[in-house]
Amino acid sequence: MEQLRLPVGIEDFAEIRRHGYYYVDKTQLIEQVLNRRNKVSLFTRPRRFGKTLNMSMLQHFFEIGTDPKLFQGLSISKNNELCEKHMGKYPVVSISLKSIHADSYAKAKAQLIKLVNREARRVQFLLDSDRLTAVDKALFSELLDREMEEDTLVSSLQELTELLEIHFGQQVIVLIDEYDVPLAKANQNGYYDEMALLLRNFFENVLKTNDSLEFAVLTGCLRIAKESIFTGLNNFKVYSITDTDYDETFGFVDDEVKKMLKSLNQQDHYEEVKEWYDGYRFGNTDVYCPWDVVNYCADHLTTPNATPKNYWLNTSGNEVINHFIDSVGEPQKLAKTELERLVSGNVVRKRINETITYKELYSTIDNLWSTLFMTGYLTQRGSEDDGRYRLVIPNREIRNIVTDNILSLFQDEVKKDGQMANAFCQALMEGKEKEVERLLTAYMGKTISIRDTFVRKSIKENFYHGILLGILSFKTGWEVSSNRESGTGFSDILIEIDDSDIGIVIEVKYSDDEDQLEKDCKEALKQIKDRDYSQKLRDAGFHRILKYGIACQIKTCKVLVEI
């Protein structure tokens, strides 16, 4: 039996279907778009939730000259009447703005011109059309010009739809993917107002004053209605992550994930996939991040025992989280207790503003909460009667991203206080368990804690493990290994001290109750002995080996040492 192929990084619907890649059927989106028949629809979803692939699917369904075989066996093919009436019946203009990420307005405008050039070249047959006049063809030629003027650029899509309607005698469908990426990049690089004005004119011409428009579909990360980019549009409908309409069409639902795992003979990994990549809620539907699930499954096809990864972070960056965590403790900003509640699996209740501008994303802590929600770092578990949403971290992947950034910030703080870090390492090397305990407790008071709630004990242990690594990273001349194979298992932390006969083994536990701290320390020491975690150090020639059992509980700890 031929192994199924997974479309990692492939966002072209036709390529997926023609080359036999696994496809999660989202063609119900076609029916929904036609049934609602808005003149302009905007779908806002976080990055990597299938927006681009869905837009490609819409293009291949509606565009004149499409291959009907692409949709064979998919749910839309069962609706014969709809397919007969709409499949392959429309000219389509389709552009994606996700590639516009320049450091200046001039470069960004040049990139937008190239996108228009590319789309015009795709329908270059218009130059040979016997329905277009010489004037029409001269106008079309301007759309192929790399040096087109700004007034030509802002009307380019409108003009292209007019010419296509003349040629085909049919109004045009317009698809604009990731419409707000240029605004995000402009905000980061200081040319926001210029780009906002350009896009407002660009969109207004094609979406508002355009008799050649059948309908348009746009996608983006944020709604940003206050930008006035879509000023005066009639029948303009936004479908955000809080809406129940279309709540299953972006992202994978549970049954789709189960089916994929079964098809790939990976059903035994279901609970792990669910813990790491499920937990988002769009409208009333719980969804997985498709990018994560596909990448996880692809990794397990080649490496069955591969550990889960934070796939999403590699494509989204962590600017939002940096702003969030940097605001901890600042006056009138984020309370440390709120961050602790989130990391511990609890709910925070906040009002969400879905119409903030990019300029406003980080201007207040309230806007930052909204940004975290709309960009996928937080999700909702319903709302209160007063309109506030119950916000949570959706899954283990995002929790890892948040805690890693917390620990990174903590590590920076450790470096600023070299004297305290040096004292901790010195006490650790000398076997002074009480001093190690005192200093570690002091450090724990400087960062957030993970409270004993919904988070698995292993995750809590990993967090305090990270705190220790952050402190130990300060010390030069110490080779610190984490989760290194030694004896018959993997020790939490192994330390080899240069120019010394001293090696250190540390096993970290999380205690459910303060009364259990000493017991858990003893259990940690027993684990070191039973699994012979000291083996690597002995093999490396260390004769004095200090074995530490460390148990933590919120902001307290207990330390025991054996030599």
Protein backbone atom coordinates (compact mmCIF):
# COMPACT_ATOMS: atom_id res chain seq x y z
CA MET A 1 0.00 0.00 0.00
CA GLU A 2 1.38 3.37 -1.06
CA GLN A 3 2.11 5.72 1.82
CA LEU A 4 -0.03 8.82 1.97
CA ARG A 5 1.76 12.09 1.29
CA LEU A 6 1.32 15.14 3.47
CA PRO A 7 1.26 18.66 1.97
CA VAL A 8 3.79 20.33 4.27
CA GLY A 9 4.04 23.94 3.17
CA ILE A 10 1.93 23.37 0.04
CA GLU A 11 -0.86 25.93 -0.25
CA ASP A 12 -1.95 25.36 -3.86
CA PHE A 13 -5.16 23.36 -4.01
CA ALA A 14 -4.49 22.00 -7.50
CA GLU A 15 -1.04 20.74 -6.58
CA ILE A 16 -2.42 18.93 -3.54
CA ARG A 17 -5.19 17.26 -5.52
CA ARG A 18 -3.19 16.40 -8.65
CA HIS A 19 -0.25 14.89 -6.80
CA GLY A 20 -2.21 12.81 -4.32
CA TYR A 21 -1.47 14.70 -1.12
CA TYR A 22 -3.72 14.17 1.85
CA TYR A 23 -6.48 16.78 1.82
CA VAL A 24 -8.92 17.66 4.60
CA ASP A 25 -12.11 18.50 2.74
CA LYS A 26 -13.11 22.13 3.30
CA THR A 27 -15.19 22.52 0.14
CA GLN A 28 -18.28 23.29 2.21
CA LEU A 29 -16.83 26.81 2.23
CA ILE A 30 -17.87 27.13 -1.44
CA GLU A 31 -21.50 26.43 -0.63
CA GLN A 32 -21.45 28.76 2.34
CA VAL A 33 -19.99 31.64 0.33
CA LEU A 34 -22.60 31.18 -2.41
CA ASN A 35 -25.50 30.79 0.02
CA ARG A 36 -24.66 33.98 1.94
CA ARG A 37 -23.72 35.85 -1.23
CA ASN A 38 -22.15 38.90 0.44
CA LYS A 39 -20.66 41.38 -1.95
CA VAL A 40 -17.50 41.40 0.15
CA SER A 41 -16.61 38.83 2.85
CA LEU A 42 -13.61 39.14 5.16
CA PHE A 43 -12.39 36.12 7.14
CA THR A 44 -10.03 36.86 10.02
CA ARG A 45 -8.07 33.97 11.49
CA PRO A 46 -4.61 33.53 13.09
CA ARG A 47 -1.63 32.54 10.97
CA ARG A 48 -1.42 28.98 9.66
CA PHE A 49 -5.08 28.08 9.88
CA GLY A 50 -5.60 27.29 6.21
CA LYS A 51 -6.64 30.67 4.86
CA THR A 52 -4.37 30.57 1.80
CA LEU A 53 -5.29 26.99 0.88
CA ASN A 54 -8.99 27.81 1.15
CA MET A 55 -8.54 30.81 -1.12
CA SER A 56 -6.72 28.63 -3.65
CA MET A 57 -9.60 26.16 -3.45
CA LEU A 58 -12.12 28.94 -4.17
CA GLN A 59 -10.09 30.11 -7.15
CA HIS A 60 -9.86 26.65 -8.68
CA PHE A 61 -13.57 26.03 -8.23
CA PHE A 62 -14.89 29.26 -9.72
CA GLU A 63 -12.33 30.17 -12.39
CA ILE A 64 -13.11 29.67 -16.05
CA GLY A 65 -11.06 26.77 -17.41
CA THR A 66 -10.84 24.88 -14.12
CA ASP A 67 -10.37 21.12 -14.02
CA PRO A 68 -13.53 19.51 -12.53
CA LYS A 69 -11.50 16.43 -11.62
CA LEU A 70 -9.89 18.42 -8.80
CA PHE A 71 -13.18 18.22 -6.90
CA GLN A 72 -14.08 14.60 -7.58
CA GLY A 73 -14.88 12.76 -4.38
CA LEU A 74 -15.10 15.94 -2.30
CA SER A 75 -18.26 17.04 -0.53
CA ILE A 76 -19.01 19.85 -3.00
CA SER A 77 -19.22 17.32 -5.86
CA LYS A 78 -22.40 15.90 -4.33
CA ASN A 79 -24.20 19.18 -5.02
CA ASN A 80 -24.64 18.67 -8.76
CA GLU A 81 -26.90 21.69 -9.27
CA LEU A 82 -24.44 24.09 -7.62
CA CYS A 83 -21.46 22.66 -9.51
CA GLU A 84 -23.29 22.85 -12.81
CA LYS A 85 -24.23 26.48 -12.21
CA HIS A 86 -21.01 27.85 -10.71
CA MET A 87 -17.97 25.61 -11.27
CA GLY A 88 -15.66 27.16 -13.85
CA LYS A 89 -18.10 29.95 -14.67
CA TYR A 90 -16.29 33.11 -13.53
CA PRO A 91 -13.18 35.12 -14.30
CA VAL A 92 -11.13 35.34 -11.10
CA VAL A 93 -8.58 37.87 -9.89
CA SER A 94 -6.51 36.43 -7.07
CA ILE A 95 -3.60 38.04 -5.19
CA SER A 96 -1.89 37.39 -1.88
CA LEU A 97 -0.32 40.23 0.07
CA LYS A 98 1.55 37.95 2.49
CA SER A 99 4.85 38.56 0.67
CA ILE A 100 4.82 42.34 1.17
CA HIS A 101 7.26 42.84 4.01
CA ALA A 102 9.58 45.71 3.14
CA ASP A 103 11.52 48.10 5.36
CA SER A 104 10.33 51.19 3.46
CA TYR A 105 7.20 52.47 1.76
CA ALA A 106 8.91 52.65 -1.65
CA LYS A 107 9.96 49.00 -1.47
CA ALA A 108 6.54 47.90 -0.26
CA LYS A 109 4.82 49.74 -3.10
CA ALA A 110 7.23 48.14 -5.58
CA GLN A 111 6.33 44.71 -4.18
CA LEU A 112 2.62 45.46 -4.57
CA ILE A 113 3.23 46.51 -8.18
CA LYS A 114 4.98 43.18 -8.83
CA LEU A 115 1.97 41.31 -7.44
CA VAL A 116 -0.32 43.20 -9.81
CA ASN A 117 2.13 42.57 -12.69
CA ARG A 118 2.10 38.86 -11.93
CA GLU A 119 -1.68 38.63 -11.87
CA ALA A 120 -1.91 40.60 -15.11
CA ARG A 121 0.56 38.25 -16.80
CA ARG A 122 -1.62 35.34 -15.74
CA VAL A 123 -4.42 36.72 -17.94
CA GLN A 124 -2.16 38.07 -20.68
CA PHE A 125 -4.45 36.49 -23.26
CA LEU A 126 -6.46 39.72 -22.96
CA LEU A 127 -3.94 41.33 -25.32
CA ASP A 128 -5.26 39.04 -28.05
CA SER A 129 -8.92 39.47 -27.18
CA ASP A 130 -11.14 40.54 -30.09
CA ARG A 131 -13.56 42.02 -27.55
CA LEU A 132 -11.09 44.54 -26.19
CA THR A 133 -10.44 47.79 -28.05
CA ALA A 134 -6.99 49.20 -28.68
CA VAL A 135 -7.60 51.59 -25.79
CA ASP A 136 -8.53 48.65 -23.52
CA LYS A 137 -5.33 46.81 -24.49
CA ALA A 138 -3.23 49.92 -23.87
CA LEU A 139 -4.80 50.14 -20.42
CA PHE A 140 -4.00 46.47 -19.81
CA SER A 141 -0.39 47.03 -20.89
CA GLU A 142 -0.03 49.56 -18.08
CA LEU A 143 -0.78 46.76 -15.61
CA LEU A 144 2.31 44.92 -16.88
CA ASP A 145 4.58 47.91 -16.27
CA ARG A 146 7.06 47.51 -13.38
CA GLU A 147 7.24 51.29 -13.15
CA MET A 148 3.50 51.99 -13.02
CA GLU A 149 2.40 55.21 -11.37
CA GLU A 150 0.65 55.15 -8.03
CA ASP A 151 -2.67 56.31 -9.51
CA THR A 152 -2.51 53.35 -11.91
CA LEU A 153 -1.64 50.99 -9.04
CA VAL A 154 -4.60 51.97 -6.85
CA SER A 155 -7.05 51.38 -9.71
CA SER A 156 -5.25 48.32 -11.13
CA LEU A 157 -7.50 45.56 -9.78
CA GLN A 158 -10.63 47.49 -10.69
CA GLU A 159 -9.37 47.97 -14.23
CA LEU A 160 -8.37 44.33 -14.49
CA THR A 161 -11.86 43.19 -13.46
CA GLU A 162 -13.43 45.57 -16.02
CA LEU A 163 -11.27 44.17 -18.82
CA LEU A 164 -12.00 40.58 -17.79
CA GLU A 165 -15.73 41.29 -17.76
CA ILE A 166 -15.51 42.76 -21.25
CA HIS A 167 -13.68 39.68 -22.54
CA PHE A 168 -15.83 37.02 -20.83
CA GLY A 169 -19.14 38.85 -20.56
CA GLN A 170 -19.28 37.83 -16.91
CA GLN A 171 -18.67 39.71 -13.66
CA VAL A 172 -15.46 38.84 -11.80
CA ILE A 173 -14.70 37.20 -8.45
CA VAL A 174 -11.88 38.90 -6.53
CA LEU A 175 -9.80 37.01 -3.93
CA ILE A 176 -7.34 38.91 -1.71
CA ASP A 177 -5.37 36.78 0.75
CA GLU A 178 -3.66 38.18 3.88
CA TYR A 179 -4.83 41.70 3.16
CA ASP A 180 -3.39 43.14 6.38
CA VAL A 181 0.20 41.84 6.20
CA PRO A 182 1.46 45.06 4.53
CA LEU A 183 -0.05 47.08 7.39
CA ALA A 184 1.68 44.94 10.00
CA LYS A 185 5.04 45.33 8.28
CA ALA A 186 4.48 49.06 7.73
CA ASN A 187 3.74 49.52 11.41
CA GLN A 188 6.95 47.73 12.35
CA ASN A 189 9.03 49.84 9.97
CA GLY A 190 7.60 53.32 10.37
CA TYR A 191 5.60 53.95 7.18
CA TYR A 192 2.18 52.95 8.45
CA ASP A 193 0.14 56.01 7.44
CA GLU A 194 1.40 55.94 3.85
CA MET A 195 0.63 52.24 3.46
CA ALA A 196 -2.81 52.56 5.06
CA LEU A 197 -3.73 55.31 2.57
CA LEU A 198 -2.43 53.30 -0.39
CA LEU A 199 -4.37 50.19 0.60
CA ARG A 200 -7.52 52.15 1.34
CA ASN A 201 -7.55 53.52 -2.21
CA PHE A 202 -6.47 50.15 -3.65
CA PHE A 203 -9.29 48.25 -1.93
CA GLU A 204 -11.92 50.95 -2.33
CA ASN A 205 -11.56 51.03 -6.11
CA VAL A 206 -11.92 47.30 -6.62
CA LEU A 207 -14.44 46.56 -3.84
CA LYS A 208 -16.64 49.65 -3.63
CA THR A 209 -16.84 51.46 -6.96
CA ASN A 210 -16.71 48.44 -9.22
CA ASP A 211 -19.66 47.38 -11.38
CA SER A 212 -17.60 44.46 -12.69
CA LEU A 213 -17.43 42.76 -9.29
CA GLU A 214 -19.46 39.57 -8.78
CA PHE A 215 -18.25 39.21 -5.20
CA ALA A 216 -15.00 39.34 -3.24
CA VAL A 217 -13.45 37.27 -0.48
CA LEU A 218 -10.62 38.56 1.70
CA THR A 219 -8.61 36.96 4.49
CA GLY A 220 -6.42 38.42 7.18
CA CYS A 221 -5.27 38.13 10.75
CA LEU A 222 -7.00 41.22 12.14
CA ARG A 223 -10.22 42.99 11.29
CA ILE A 224 -8.93 46.55 11.73
CA ALA A 225 -12.22 48.13 10.65
CA LYS A 226 -11.27 51.40 12.34
CA GLU A 227 -8.57 51.85 9.71
CA SER A 228 -11.26 53.13 7.36
CA ILE A 229 -9.65 50.93 4.73
CA PHE A 230 -13.07 49.64 3.79
CA THR A 231 -14.90 52.93 4.19
CA GLY A 232 -18.42 53.04 2.85
CA LEU A 233 -18.58 49.48 1.57
CA ASN A 234 -22.14 48.21 1.36
CA ASN A 235 -22.83 44.57 2.15
CA PHE A 236 -19.38 44.13 3.70
CA LYS A 237 -19.41 41.25 6.16
CA VAL A 238 -16.66 40.27 8.58
CA TYR A 239 -16.39 36.72 9.94
CA SER A 240 -13.99 36.68 12.88
CA ILE A 241 -12.95 33.97 15.32
CA THR A 242 -15.87 34.91 17.57
CA ASP A 243 -18.52 34.25 14.90
CA THR A 244 -20.34 30.92 14.60
CA ASP A 245 -20.66 31.21 10.81
CA TYR A 246 -17.83 29.39 9.02
CA ASP A 247 -16.45 28.20 12.37
CA GLU A 248 -15.46 24.76 10.96
CA THR A 249 -13.98 25.91 7.65
CA PHE A 250 -10.63 27.16 8.97
CA GLY A 251 -8.67 24.72 11.10
CA PHE A 252 -9.22 20.99 11.67
CA VAL A 253 -12.05 19.70 13.84
CA ASP A 254 -11.62 16.64 16.04
CA ASP A 255 -13.17 14.12 13.64
CA GLU A 256 -10.94 15.35 10.81
CA VAL A 257 -7.83 14.87 12.95
CA LYS A 258 -8.92 11.39 14.04
CA LYS A 259 -9.53 10.44 10.41
CA MET A 260 -6.12 11.76 9.33
CA LEU A 261 -4.30 9.92 12.11
CA LYS A 262 -6.11 6.69 11.28
CA SER A 263 -5.31 7.07 7.57
CA LEU A 264 -1.64 7.47 8.47
CA ASN A 265 -1.71 4.65 11.03
CA GLN A 266 -0.89 7.19 13.74
CA GLN A 267 -4.07 6.89 15.80
CA ASP A 268 -1.99 5.99 18.87
CA HIS A 269 -0.73 9.58 18.87
CA TYR A 270 -4.19 11.12 19.14
CA GLU A 271 -3.97 12.18 22.79
CA GLU A 272 -0.56 13.75 22.24
CA VAL A 273 -1.74 15.67 19.17
CA LYS A 274 -4.81 16.86 21.04
CA GLU A 275 -2.80 18.04 24.05
CA TRP A 276 -0.29 19.93 21.92
CA TYR A 277 -2.30 21.38 19.03
CA ASP A 278 -6.03 21.39 19.86
CA GLY A 279 -7.85 23.85 22.10
CA TYR A 280 -8.64 26.78 19.81
CA ARG A 281 -12.27 27.82 19.72
CA PHE A 282 -13.70 29.61 16.69
CA GLY A 283 -17.35 30.48 17.29
CA ASN A 284 -18.73 27.37 18.97
CA THR A 285 -16.28 24.93 17.41
CA ASP A 286 -13.07 23.54 18.89
CA VAL A 287 -10.31 23.36 16.28
CA TYR A 288 -6.70 22.27 15.86
CA CYS A 289 -4.03 24.30 14.11
CA PRO A 290 -3.67 22.56 10.70
CA TRP A 291 -0.03 23.58 10.26
CA ASP A 292 0.88 21.85 13.51
CA VAL A 293 -1.06 18.66 12.84
CA VAL A 294 0.30 18.21 9.32
CA ASN A 295 3.89 18.84 10.41
CA TYR A 296 3.56 16.52 13.40
CA CYS A 297 2.19 13.72 11.23
CA ALA A 298 4.87 14.29 8.58
CA ASP A 299 7.62 14.03 11.19
CA HIS A 300 6.13 10.80 12.51
CA LEU A 301 6.03 9.23 9.07
CA THR A 302 9.82 9.42 8.94
CA THR A 303 10.57 9.25 12.68
CA PRO A 304 7.82 7.35 14.54
CA ASN A 305 9.19 8.30 17.97
CA ALA A 306 9.69 11.99 17.19
CA THR A 307 8.81 14.35 20.01
CA PRO A 308 6.22 17.12 19.46
CA LYS A 309 7.54 20.52 18.42
CA ASN A 310 6.44 24.13 18.52
CA TYR A 311 5.86 24.26 14.77
CA TRP A 312 3.67 27.35 14.85
CA LEU A 313 6.26 29.59 16.48
CA ASN A 314 8.66 29.09 13.59
CA THR A 315 6.20 30.79 11.26
CA SER A 316 4.69 33.45 13.48
CA GLY A 317 7.52 34.97 15.48
CA ASN A 318 7.07 35.99 19.11
CA GLU A 319 6.80 39.79 18.99
CA VAL A 320 3.33 39.79 20.57
CA ILE A 321 4.42 37.56 23.44
CA ASN A 322 7.52 39.67 24.02
CA HIS A 323 5.39 42.78 24.40
CA PHE A 324 3.04 40.89 26.71
CA ILE A 325 5.65 39.48 29.06
CA ASP A 326 7.71 42.67 29.05
CA SER A 327 4.70 44.44 30.53
CA VAL A 328 4.65 42.23 33.66
CA GLY A 329 4.81 44.38 36.74
CA GLU A 330 4.73 47.66 34.88
CA PRO A 331 2.34 50.24 36.39
CA GLN A 332 -1.19 49.93 35.06
CA LYS A 333 -0.19 47.00 32.91
CA LEU A 334 -0.05 43.21 33.24
CA ALA A 335 -0.39 41.76 36.70
CA LYS A 336 1.94 38.87 37.40
CA THR A 337 -0.98 36.94 38.89
CA GLU A 338 -2.83 37.09 35.54
CA LEU A 339 0.14 35.58 33.75
CA GLU A 340 0.37 32.90 36.43
CA ARG A 341 -3.30 32.08 35.98
CA LEU A 342 -2.85 31.63 32.23
CA VAL A 343 0.27 29.47 32.46
CA SER A 344 -1.43 27.36 35.13
CA GLY A 345 -4.36 26.59 32.86
CA ASN A 346 -6.83 29.01 34.41
CA VAL A 347 -9.13 31.59 32.86
CA VAL A 348 -8.73 35.35 32.73
CA ARG A 349 -11.75 37.51 31.88
CA LYS A 350 -11.17 40.34 29.43
CA ARG A 351 -13.03 42.54 26.98
CA ILE A 352 -11.97 42.09 23.39
CA ASN A 353 -11.74 44.92 20.87
CA GLU A 354 -11.76 43.40 17.38
CA THR A 355 -11.38 46.72 15.57
CA ILE A 356 -8.08 48.04 16.90
CA THR A 357 -5.52 49.38 14.46
CA TYR A 358 -1.98 48.10 14.08
CA LYS A 359 -0.79 51.31 15.66
CA GLU A 360 -2.82 50.47 18.75
CA LEU A 361 -1.83 46.81 19.20
CA TYR A 362 0.53 47.38 22.11
CA SER A 363 -0.56 50.84 23.26
CA THR A 364 -2.50 49.54 26.27
CA ILE A 365 -2.68 46.24 28.13
CA ASP A 366 -6.36 45.95 27.08
CA ASN A 367 -5.37 46.15 23.41
CA LEU A 368 -2.60 43.64 24.03
CA TRP A 369 -5.10 41.13 25.42
CA SER A 370 -7.17 41.62 22.26
CA THR A 371 -4.10 41.14 20.08
CA LEU A 372 -3.13 37.91 21.84
CA PHE A 373 -6.65 36.62 21.30
CA MET A 374 -6.91 37.51 17.61
CA THR A 375 -3.44 36.24 16.74
CA GLY A 376 -3.91 32.82 18.33
CA TYR A 377 -1.87 33.01 21.53
CA LEU A 378 -5.09 32.93 23.55
CA THR A 379 -8.50 31.49 22.81
CA GLN A 380 -11.92 31.74 24.40
CA ARG A 381 -14.00 29.46 26.56
CA GLY A 382 -17.23 31.41 26.26
CA SER A 383 -18.22 34.86 27.44
CA GLU A 384 -19.73 36.51 30.52
CA ASP A 385 -23.04 38.37 30.66
CA ASP A 386 -21.11 41.65 30.70
CA GLY A 387 -19.46 40.84 27.35
CA ARG A 388 -16.05 39.80 28.67
CA TYR A 389 -14.49 36.69 27.20
CA ARG A 390 -13.03 33.87 29.28
CA LEU A 391 -9.53 33.62 27.83
CA VAL A 392 -7.10 30.70 28.15
CA ILE A 393 -3.90 29.42 26.58
CA PRO A 394 -5.23 26.92 24.02
CA ASN A 395 -2.73 24.07 24.25
CA ARG A 396 0.67 22.81 25.26
CA GLU A 397 2.46 24.28 22.25
CA ILE A 398 1.39 27.83 23.06
CA ARG A 399 2.02 27.28 26.77
CA ASN A 400 5.58 26.26 25.87
CA ILE A 401 6.00 29.40 23.79
CA VAL A 402 4.80 31.58 26.66
CA THR A 403 6.88 29.85 29.34
CA ASP A 404 9.99 29.78 27.15
CA ASN A 405 9.73 33.54 26.79
CA ILE A 406 9.16 33.93 30.52
CA LEU A 407 12.26 31.86 31.21
CA SER A 408 14.26 33.81 28.65
CA LEU A 409 13.29 37.04 30.39
CA PHE A 410 14.17 35.44 33.73
CA GLN A 411 17.57 34.41 32.36
CA ASP A 412 18.25 38.02 31.36
CA GLU A 413 17.39 39.10 34.89
CA VAL A 414 19.77 36.47 36.31
CA LYS A 415 22.61 37.89 34.24
CA LYS A 416 21.95 41.35 35.67
CA ASP A 417 22.41 40.00 39.20
CA GLY A 418 25.67 38.14 38.77
CA GLN A 419 26.52 38.20 42.45
CA MET A 420 23.41 36.25 43.46
CA ALA A 421 23.82 33.75 40.63
CA ASN A 422 27.46 33.19 41.54
CA ALA A 423 26.50 32.62 45.19
CA PHE A 424 23.92 30.02 44.11
CA CYS A 425 26.40 28.13 41.95
CA GLN A 426 29.05 28.25 44.69
CA ALA A 427 26.61 26.81 47.24
CA LEU A 428 25.59 24.13 44.75
CA MET A 429 29.22 23.13 44.17
CA GLU A 430 29.95 23.02 47.92
CA GLY A 431 26.90 20.91 48.76
CA LYS A 432 25.31 23.57 50.97
CA GLU A 433 21.74 22.43 50.53
CA LYS A 434 20.18 25.06 52.86
CA GLU A 435 21.88 27.92 51.01
CA VAL A 436 20.85 26.43 47.65
CA GLU A 437 17.31 26.19 48.96
CA ARG A 438 17.32 29.80 50.23
CA LEU A 439 18.66 31.28 47.02
CA LEU A 440 16.42 29.17 44.76
CA THR A 441 13.39 30.28 46.77
CA ALA A 442 14.49 33.89 46.31
CA TYR A 443 14.79 33.35 42.55
CA MET A 444 11.35 31.74 42.36
CA GLY A 445 9.90 34.87 43.93
CA LYS A 446 11.31 36.89 41.04
CA THR A 447 9.43 35.04 38.30
CA ILE A 448 5.94 33.66 37.86
CA SER A 449 4.82 30.40 39.37
CA ILE A 450 2.80 27.54 38.00
CA ARG A 451 -0.02 26.85 40.39
CA ASP A 452 -1.46 23.45 41.13
CA THR A 453 -4.47 23.50 38.80
CA PHE A 454 -5.07 21.98 35.38
CA VAL A 455 -1.50 21.69 34.21
CA ARG A 456 0.13 18.28 34.20
CA LYS A 457 2.83 17.70 36.78
CA SER A 458 5.43 17.04 34.07
CA ILE A 459 4.82 20.51 32.62
CA LYS A 460 5.23 22.11 36.04
CA GLU A 461 8.45 20.20 36.59
CA ASN A 462 9.73 21.35 33.21
CA PHE A 463 9.06 24.96 34.17
CA TYR A 464 11.11 24.80 37.38
CA HIS A 465 13.69 22.80 35.50
CA GLY A 466 13.89 25.81 33.15
CA ILE A 467 14.39 28.20 36.07
CA LEU A 468 17.37 26.17 37.24
CA LEU A 469 18.85 26.09 33.74
CA GLY A 470 18.42 29.86 33.55
CA ILE A 471 20.46 30.34 36.72
CA LEU A 472 23.12 27.81 35.74
CA SER A 473 23.59 29.40 32.30
CA PHE A 474 25.27 32.31 34.09
CA LYS A 475 28.26 30.25 35.19
CA THR A 476 31.18 30.08 32.78
CA GLY A 477 33.31 26.95 32.90
CA TRP A 478 30.31 24.78 33.75
CA GLU A 479 29.09 22.34 31.13
CA VAL A 480 25.36 22.00 31.83
CA SER A 481 23.39 19.23 30.09
CA SER A 482 19.61 18.93 30.16
CA ASN A 483 17.70 15.64 29.85
CA ARG A 484 20.89 13.80 28.97
CA GLU A 485 20.93 10.03 28.70
CA SER A 486 22.80 8.54 31.64
CA GLY A 487 22.54 5.13 33.23
CA THR A 488 19.12 3.66 32.43
CA GLY A 489 17.30 6.92 31.88
CA PHE A 490 17.55 10.64 31.25
CA SER A 491 18.70 12.87 34.06
CA ASP A 492 17.12 16.31 34.45
CA ILE A 493 20.43 18.18 34.75
CA LEU A 494 24.07 17.06 34.62
CA ILE A 495 26.88 19.52 35.44
CA GLU A 496 30.54 19.05 34.65
CA ILE A 497 32.77 21.68 36.29
CA ASP A 498 35.96 22.52 34.40
CA ASP A 499 39.29 22.18 36.24
CA SER A 500 37.53 20.36 39.04
CA ASP A 501 36.87 16.84 40.24
CA ILE A 502 33.25 17.78 40.94
CA GLY A 503 30.19 16.69 39.00
CA ILE A 504 26.56 17.45 39.88
CA VAL A 505 23.32 15.58 39.17
CA ILE A 506 19.97 17.32 39.74
CA GLU A 507 16.51 15.77 39.62
CA VAL A 508 13.54 18.15 39.86
CA LYS A 509 10.07 17.28 41.18
CA TYR A 510 6.87 19.25 41.56
CA SER A 511 5.01 18.71 44.82
CA ASP A 512 1.23 18.89 45.00
CA ASP A 513 1.46 20.14 48.56
CA GLU A 514 4.10 21.80 50.74
CA ASP A 515 3.92 18.85 53.12
CA GLN A 516 5.15 16.61 50.29
CA LEU A 517 8.31 18.59 49.51
CA GLU A 518 10.75 16.53 51.58
CA LYS A 519 9.19 13.24 50.50
CA ASP A 520 9.50 14.25 46.83
CA CYS A 521 13.12 15.30 47.35
CA LYS A 522 13.89 11.84 48.70
CA GLU A 523 12.04 10.30 45.74
CA ALA A 524 14.20 12.37 43.38
CA LEU A 525 17.38 11.14 45.09
CA LYS A 526 16.15 7.57 44.92
CA GLN A 527 15.49 7.99 41.18
CA ILE A 528 19.05 9.26 40.66
CA LYS A 529 20.39 6.19 42.46
CA ASP A 530 18.04 3.58 40.97
CA ARG A 531 18.63 4.77 37.40
CA ASP A 532 22.29 5.49 37.95
CA TYR A 533 22.19 9.04 36.57
CA SER A 534 25.76 9.50 37.85
CA GLN A 535 27.18 7.09 35.27
CA LYS A 536 28.10 9.75 32.69
CA LEU A 537 29.96 11.74 35.28
CA ARG A 538 31.89 8.70 36.54
CA ASP A 539 32.76 7.75 32.97
CA ALA A 540 34.05 11.30 32.45
CA GLY A 541 36.44 10.88 35.38
CA PHE A 542 34.63 12.83 38.10
CA HIS A 543 35.17 11.34 41.57
CA ARG A 544 33.19 13.79 43.75
CA ILE A 545 29.60 13.66 42.55
CA LEU A 546 26.89 15.67 44.26
CA LYS A 547 23.36 14.37 43.83
CA TYR A 548 20.53 16.86 44.38
CA GLY A 549 16.85 16.18 44.83
CA ILE A 550 14.90 19.42 44.43
CA ALA A 551 11.15 19.69 44.94
CA CYS A 552 9.17 22.85 44.12
CA GLN A 553 5.66 23.96 44.96
CA ILE A 554 4.50 27.33 43.58
CA LYS A 555 7.09 29.66 45.15
CA THR A 556 8.64 27.38 47.76
CA CYS A 557 11.15 24.59 47.46
CA LYS A 558 13.07 21.93 49.34
CA VAL A 559 16.61 20.81 48.55
CA LEU A 560 18.38 17.62 49.67
CA VAL A 561 21.88 16.57 48.68
CA GLU A 562 23.82 13.29 48.79
CA ILE A 563 27.54 13.09 48.17
